[in-house]
Amino acid sequence: MTWYDEMTWCDGCGAEITWGPVLDDGRKFCCHDCCLGILCACSERMEMDEEQRPGNETYSHAKSGHLA
């Protein structure tokens, strides 16, 4: 697999795709729901994952109770 530095965006909901996209007729989708035209929650899940990552400033401040 070849990695490129450019970002990939979902042709359905517009979420950034940081995993293997669902491909359909040359278009890239974040999930099968988007591919089918159904509303998805992928971008919301990505935001929650970023907030919960150790080392994330928001995560560590929220955990300690000291929000900047």
Protein backbone atom coordinates (compact mmCIF):
# COMPACT_ATOMS: atom_id res chain seq x y z
CA MET A 1 0.00 0.00 0.00
CA THR A 2 1.26 3.47 -0.83
CA TRP A 3 0.65 6.32 1.60
CA TYR A 4 0.27 9.92 0.49
CA ASP A 5 0.36 13.07 2.60
CA GLU A 6 -2.86 14.43 1.16
CA MET A 7 -6.13 14.10 3.05
CA THR A 8 -9.04 12.03 1.82
CA TRP A 9 -12.59 13.30 2.31
CA CYS A 10 -15.86 11.40 2.12
CA ASP A 11 -17.90 12.15 -0.99
CA GLY A 12 -21.05 11.60 1.08
CA CYS A 13 -20.76 13.51 4.38
CA GLY A 14 -17.45 15.30 3.92
CA ALA A 15 -15.70 13.67 6.91
CA GLU A 16 -11.95 13.18 6.70
CA ILE A 17 -11.20 9.51 6.00
CA THR A 18 -8.20 8.29 7.99
CA TRP A 19 -8.88 4.60 7.29
CA GLY A 20 -9.52 2.59 4.15
CA PRO A 21 -12.43 4.20 2.28
CA VAL A 22 -15.42 2.41 0.78
CA LEU A 23 -15.01 2.79 -2.98
CA ASP A 24 -17.95 2.97 -5.39
CA ASP A 25 -17.75 4.07 -9.02
CA GLY A 26 -14.56 6.06 -8.41
CA ARG A 27 -15.96 7.86 -5.37
CA LYS A 28 -14.63 7.49 -1.80
CA PHE A 29 -16.91 7.13 1.22
CA CYS A 30 -16.17 6.87 4.94
CA CYS A 31 -18.62 3.99 5.46
CA HIS A 32 -21.25 1.86 3.74
CA ASP A 33 -24.05 4.12 5.04
CA CYS A 34 -22.59 7.13 3.21
CA CYS A 35 -22.12 5.01 0.11
CA LEU A 36 -25.86 4.23 0.23
CA GLY A 37 -26.80 7.87 0.90
CA ILE A 38 -27.78 7.22 4.53
CA LEU A 39 -26.80 9.73 7.25
CA CYS A 40 -23.78 8.50 9.22
CA ALA A 41 -21.98 9.52 12.42
CA CYS A 42 -18.37 8.90 11.33
CA SER A 43 -17.21 12.50 11.80
CA GLU A 44 -18.77 12.60 15.29
CA ARG A 45 -17.00 9.34 16.23
CA MET A 46 -13.69 10.74 14.97
CA GLU A 47 -14.09 13.82 17.18
CA MET A 48 -14.79 11.63 20.23
CA ASP A 49 -11.73 9.48 19.47
CA GLU A 50 -9.51 12.57 19.27
CA GLU A 51 -10.80 13.88 22.61
CA GLN A 52 -10.16 10.55 24.35
CA ARG A 53 -6.59 9.98 23.11
CA PRO A 54 -3.96 10.04 25.87
CA GLY A 55 -1.60 12.96 25.41
CA ASN A 56 -4.38 15.09 23.94
CA GLU A 57 -4.39 18.43 25.74
CA THR A 58 -8.19 18.53 25.93
CA TYR A 59 -8.26 14.98 27.31
CA SER A 60 -5.62 15.59 29.97
CA HIS A 61 -7.19 18.89 31.13
CA ALA A 62 -10.65 17.36 31.27
CA LYS A 63 -9.33 14.37 33.21
CA SER A 64 -7.55 16.57 35.76
CA GLY A 65 -10.50 18.95 35.99
CA HIS A 66 -8.46 21.94 34.83
CA LEU A 67 -9.82 23.23 31.55
CA ALA A 68 -7.90 26.01 29.85
